[in-house]
Amino acid sequence: MGLGTGIFLITLGAILTFAIRANIWWLDLRAVGWVFILAGLGVVATTLWYWQDRKKRARTLIVEENRLSHPTAMMPPPPDPPPPSAPPT
């Protein structure tokens, strides 16, 4: 669940509470709508609290830099490649 689910529940609850005027003898649509609104608010609040909690956690990034123990200028140059052989005659 997340913000999308919470907003969906709030919207569905508002539609059931304020927009539909049906009379169902076994179901009170206004009460069901308010339950959905409160559930959606709970989901949104829980999601935002969880995100805020994740932001507070410190993440330490350790970067280790390795350097050569001797400078590259002191290394001998690579050997020259052998000369190409003469083509056969």
N, C-alpha and C. Protein backbone atom coordinates (compact mmCIF):
# COMPACT_ATOMS: atom_id res chain seq x y z
N MET A 1 0.84 -1.17 0.00
CA MET A 1 0.00 0.00 0.00
C MET A 1 0.88 1.23 0.00
N GLY A 2 0.30 2.32 -0.38
CA GLY A 2 1.06 3.55 -0.41
C GLY A 2 0.14 4.74 -0.52
N LEU A 3 0.70 5.81 -1.01
CA LEU A 3 -0.10 7.02 -1.15
C LEU A 3 -1.25 6.83 -2.12
N GLY A 4 -1.02 6.09 -3.19
CA GLY A 4 -2.08 5.86 -4.17
C GLY A 4 -3.27 5.12 -3.57
N THR A 5 -2.99 4.12 -2.77
CA THR A 5 -4.07 3.37 -2.13
C THR A 5 -4.82 4.24 -1.13
N GLY A 6 -4.09 5.04 -0.36
CA GLY A 6 -4.74 5.93 0.60
C GLY A 6 -5.62 6.95 -0.08
N ILE A 7 -5.13 7.55 -1.15
CA ILE A 7 -5.94 8.53 -1.88
C ILE A 7 -7.15 7.87 -2.51
N PHE A 8 -6.98 6.65 -3.01
CA PHE A 8 -8.12 5.92 -3.58
C PHE A 8 -9.19 5.66 -2.52
N LEU A 9 -8.78 5.24 -1.32
CA LEU A 9 -9.75 4.98 -0.26
C LEU A 9 -10.46 6.26 0.17
N ILE A 10 -9.72 7.36 0.26
CA ILE A 10 -10.34 8.64 0.62
C ILE A 10 -11.36 9.05 -0.44
N THR A 11 -10.99 8.90 -1.71
CA THR A 11 -11.90 9.27 -2.79
C THR A 11 -13.14 8.39 -2.80
N LEU A 12 -12.94 7.10 -2.65
CA LEU A 12 -14.09 6.18 -2.62
C LEU A 12 -15.00 6.49 -1.44
N GLY A 13 -14.41 6.77 -0.29
CA GLY A 13 -15.20 7.12 0.88
C GLY A 13 -15.97 8.41 0.70
N ALA A 14 -15.34 9.41 0.07
CA ALA A 14 -16.04 10.67 -0.18
C ALA A 14 -17.19 10.48 -1.15
N ILE A 15 -17.00 9.64 -2.15
CA ILE A 15 -18.10 9.38 -3.09
C ILE A 15 -19.25 8.69 -2.38
N LEU A 16 -18.94 7.69 -1.58
CA LEU A 16 -20.01 6.98 -0.87
C LEU A 16 -20.70 7.88 0.15
N THR A 17 -19.95 8.77 0.80
CA THR A 17 -20.52 9.61 1.85
C THR A 17 -21.32 10.77 1.28
N PHE A 18 -20.78 11.46 0.31
CA PHE A 18 -21.38 12.72 -0.11
C PHE A 18 -22.11 12.69 -1.45
N ALA A 19 -21.80 11.74 -2.32
CA ALA A 19 -22.36 11.79 -3.67
C ALA A 19 -23.51 10.82 -3.89
N ILE A 20 -23.50 9.69 -3.25
CA ILE A 20 -24.53 8.68 -3.50
C ILE A 20 -25.64 8.84 -2.46
N ARG A 21 -26.86 8.92 -2.94
CA ARG A 21 -28.02 9.07 -2.06
C ARG A 21 -28.96 7.88 -2.18
N ALA A 22 -28.38 6.71 -2.28
CA ALA A 22 -29.19 5.49 -2.38
C ALA A 22 -29.63 5.06 -0.99
N ASN A 23 -30.79 4.43 -0.92
CA ASN A 23 -31.31 3.92 0.34
C ASN A 23 -31.26 2.40 0.30
N ILE A 24 -30.24 1.85 0.94
CA ILE A 24 -30.12 0.41 1.03
C ILE A 24 -30.45 0.05 2.46
N TRP A 25 -31.45 -0.79 2.66
CA TRP A 25 -31.96 -1.04 4.00
C TRP A 25 -30.97 -1.78 4.89
N TRP A 26 -30.05 -2.54 4.32
CA TRP A 26 -29.11 -3.33 5.11
C TRP A 26 -27.71 -2.73 5.20
N LEU A 27 -27.51 -1.53 4.56
CA LEU A 27 -26.18 -0.92 4.53
C LEU A 27 -26.30 0.59 4.62
N ASP A 28 -25.56 1.18 5.53
CA ASP A 28 -25.52 2.63 5.65
C ASP A 28 -24.30 3.13 4.86
N LEU A 29 -24.56 3.70 3.69
CA LEU A 29 -23.47 4.12 2.81
C LEU A 29 -22.65 5.26 3.41
N ARG A 30 -23.27 6.13 4.17
CA ARG A 30 -22.52 7.23 4.79
C ARG A 30 -21.53 6.68 5.81
N ALA A 31 -21.92 5.69 6.59
CA ALA A 31 -21.00 5.10 7.58
C ALA A 31 -19.85 4.37 6.89
N VAL A 32 -20.17 3.64 5.84
CA VAL A 32 -19.13 2.94 5.08
C VAL A 32 -18.18 3.95 4.45
N GLY A 33 -18.71 5.05 3.94
CA GLY A 33 -17.87 6.09 3.36
C GLY A 33 -16.92 6.70 4.37
N TRP A 34 -17.43 6.98 5.58
CA TRP A 34 -16.56 7.54 6.61
C TRP A 34 -15.48 6.54 7.04
N VAL A 35 -15.82 5.27 7.06
CA VAL A 35 -14.82 4.26 7.39
C VAL A 35 -13.72 4.24 6.33
N PHE A 36 -14.10 4.33 5.06
CA PHE A 36 -13.10 4.37 3.98
C PHE A 36 -12.23 5.63 4.07
N ILE A 37 -12.85 6.76 4.38
CA ILE A 37 -12.08 8.00 4.50
C ILE A 37 -11.06 7.88 5.63
N LEU A 38 -11.48 7.38 6.77
CA LEU A 38 -10.57 7.24 7.90
C LEU A 38 -9.48 6.21 7.61
N ALA A 39 -9.83 5.13 6.93
CA ALA A 39 -8.82 4.13 6.56
C ALA A 39 -7.82 4.73 5.59
N GLY A 40 -8.28 5.52 4.63
CA GLY A 40 -7.37 6.17 3.69
C GLY A 40 -6.44 7.16 4.37
N LEU A 41 -6.98 7.92 5.32
CA LEU A 41 -6.13 8.84 6.08
C LEU A 41 -5.09 8.07 6.89
N GLY A 42 -5.49 6.94 7.43
CA GLY A 42 -4.53 6.11 8.17
C GLY A 42 -3.42 5.58 7.28
N VAL A 43 -3.79 5.15 6.09
CA VAL A 43 -2.78 4.64 5.14
C VAL A 43 -1.82 5.75 4.73
N VAL A 44 -2.36 6.94 4.43
CA VAL A 44 -1.50 8.06 4.04
C VAL A 44 -0.57 8.45 5.19
N ALA A 45 -1.11 8.54 6.40
CA ALA A 45 -0.28 8.91 7.55
C ALA A 45 0.80 7.87 7.82
N THR A 46 0.45 6.60 7.71
CA THR A 46 1.44 5.54 7.93
C THR A 46 2.53 5.57 6.87
N THR A 47 2.14 5.79 5.63
CA THR A 47 3.12 5.85 4.55
C THR A 47 4.06 7.02 4.73
N LEU A 48 3.52 8.20 5.06
CA LEU A 48 4.38 9.37 5.26
C LEU A 48 5.29 9.19 6.47
N TRP A 49 4.81 8.57 7.52
CA TRP A 49 5.63 8.30 8.70
C TRP A 49 6.77 7.35 8.34
N TYR A 50 6.46 6.33 7.55
CA TYR A 50 7.48 5.36 7.16
C TYR A 50 8.55 6.04 6.31
N TRP A 51 8.13 6.89 5.37
CA TRP A 51 9.09 7.60 4.53
C TRP A 51 9.95 8.53 5.37
N GLN A 52 9.34 9.23 6.33
CA GLN A 52 10.11 10.14 7.18
C GLN A 52 11.12 9.36 8.01
N ASP A 53 10.72 8.19 8.48
CA ASP A 53 11.62 7.36 9.27
C ASP A 53 12.81 6.90 8.42
N ARG A 54 12.58 6.61 7.16
CA ARG A 54 13.67 6.18 6.29
C ARG A 54 14.64 7.31 6.01
N LYS A 55 14.14 8.57 5.96
CA LYS A 55 15.01 9.70 5.70
C LYS A 55 15.95 9.95 6.87
N LYS A 56 15.50 9.63 8.09
CA LYS A 56 16.30 9.91 9.28
C LYS A 56 17.47 8.95 9.42
N ARG A 57 17.37 7.78 8.84
CA ARG A 57 18.46 6.81 8.97
C ARG A 57 19.69 7.33 8.25
N ALA A 58 20.78 7.36 8.96
CA ALA A 58 22.02 7.84 8.36
C ALA A 58 22.66 6.71 7.56
N ARG A 59 23.04 7.04 6.38
CA ARG A 59 23.74 6.08 5.54
C ARG A 59 25.15 6.61 5.34
N THR A 60 26.11 5.84 5.78
CA THR A 60 27.50 6.25 5.66
C THR A 60 28.12 5.53 4.47
N LEU A 61 28.68 6.30 3.59
CA LEU A 61 29.34 5.76 2.42
C LEU A 61 30.84 5.87 2.64
N ILE A 62 31.48 4.74 2.70
CA ILE A 62 32.92 4.71 2.93
C ILE A 62 33.60 4.48 1.59
N VAL A 63 34.44 5.42 1.24
CA VAL A 63 35.19 5.32 -0.01
C VAL A 63 36.65 5.12 0.35
N GLU A 64 37.20 4.03 -0.12
CA GLU A 64 38.60 3.74 0.16
C GLU A 64 39.40 4.01 -1.10
N GLU A 65 40.44 4.80 -0.93
CA GLU A 65 41.26 5.15 -2.09
C GLU A 65 42.59 4.43 -1.97
N ASN A 66 42.90 3.65 -2.96
CA ASN A 66 44.18 2.93 -2.97
C ASN A 66 45.15 3.69 -3.88
N ARG A 67 46.32 3.91 -3.37
CA ARG A 67 47.36 4.56 -4.18
C ARG A 67 48.52 3.59 -4.34
N LEU A 68 49.22 3.75 -5.42
CA LEU A 68 50.39 2.91 -5.64
C LEU A 68 51.46 3.26 -4.62
N SER A 69 52.22 2.28 -4.21
CA SER A 69 53.25 2.53 -3.21
C SER A 69 54.49 3.19 -3.80
N HIS A 70 54.62 3.21 -5.11
CA HIS A 70 55.75 3.87 -5.75
C HIS A 70 55.23 4.65 -6.94
N PRO A 71 55.88 5.72 -7.26
CA PRO A 71 55.40 6.52 -8.40
C PRO A 71 55.61 5.79 -9.72
N THR A 72 54.78 6.09 -10.66
CA THR A 72 54.87 5.40 -11.96
C THR A 72 56.09 5.83 -12.75
N ALA A 73 56.66 6.98 -12.48
CA ALA A 73 57.83 7.45 -13.23
C ALA A 73 59.06 6.60 -12.94
N MET A 74 59.12 5.95 -11.82
CA MET A 74 60.29 5.15 -11.46
C MET A 74 60.24 3.75 -12.07
N MET A 75 59.14 3.40 -12.64
CA MET A 75 59.06 2.07 -13.24
C MET A 75 59.81 2.08 -14.57
N PRO A 76 60.50 1.00 -14.91
CA PRO A 76 61.21 0.97 -16.19
C PRO A 76 60.19 0.94 -17.33
N PRO A 77 60.56 1.52 -18.45
CA PRO A 77 59.63 1.51 -19.59
C PRO A 77 59.46 0.09 -20.11
N PRO A 78 58.35 -0.17 -20.75
CA PRO A 78 58.14 -1.52 -21.27
C PRO A 78 59.14 -1.82 -22.37
N PRO A 79 59.51 -3.09 -22.56
CA PRO A 79 60.48 -3.42 -23.60
C PRO A 79 59.90 -3.16 -24.99
N ASP A 80 60.82 -2.86 -25.91
CA ASP A 80 60.40 -2.61 -27.28
C ASP A 80 59.93 -3.91 -27.91
N PRO A 81 58.93 -3.82 -28.76
CA PRO A 81 58.50 -5.06 -29.42
C PRO A 81 59.57 -5.53 -30.39
N PRO A 82 59.64 -6.83 -30.64
CA PRO A 82 60.66 -7.33 -31.58
C PRO A 82 60.39 -6.77 -32.99
N PRO A 83 61.47 -6.58 -33.76
CA PRO A 83 61.25 -6.05 -35.12
C PRO A 83 60.55 -7.09 -35.98
N PRO A 84 59.79 -6.62 -36.94
CA PRO A 84 59.10 -7.59 -37.80
C PRO A 84 60.11 -8.36 -38.64
N SER A 85 59.82 -9.59 -38.88
CA SER A 85 60.73 -10.40 -39.68
C SER A 85 60.59 -10.03 -41.14
N ALA A 86 61.68 -10.25 -41.85
CA ALA A 86 61.68 -9.89 -43.27
C ALA A 86 60.74 -10.83 -44.02
N PRO A 87 60.04 -10.32 -45.02
CA PRO A 87 59.15 -11.21 -45.78
C PRO A 87 59.94 -12.25 -46.57
N PRO A 88 59.40 -13.42 -46.73
CA PRO A 88 60.13 -14.45 -47.49
C PRO A 88 60.26 -14.05 -48.96
N THR A 89 61.41 -14.40 -49.55
CA THR A 89 61.63 -14.06 -50.96
C THR A 89 61.55 -15.26 -51.85
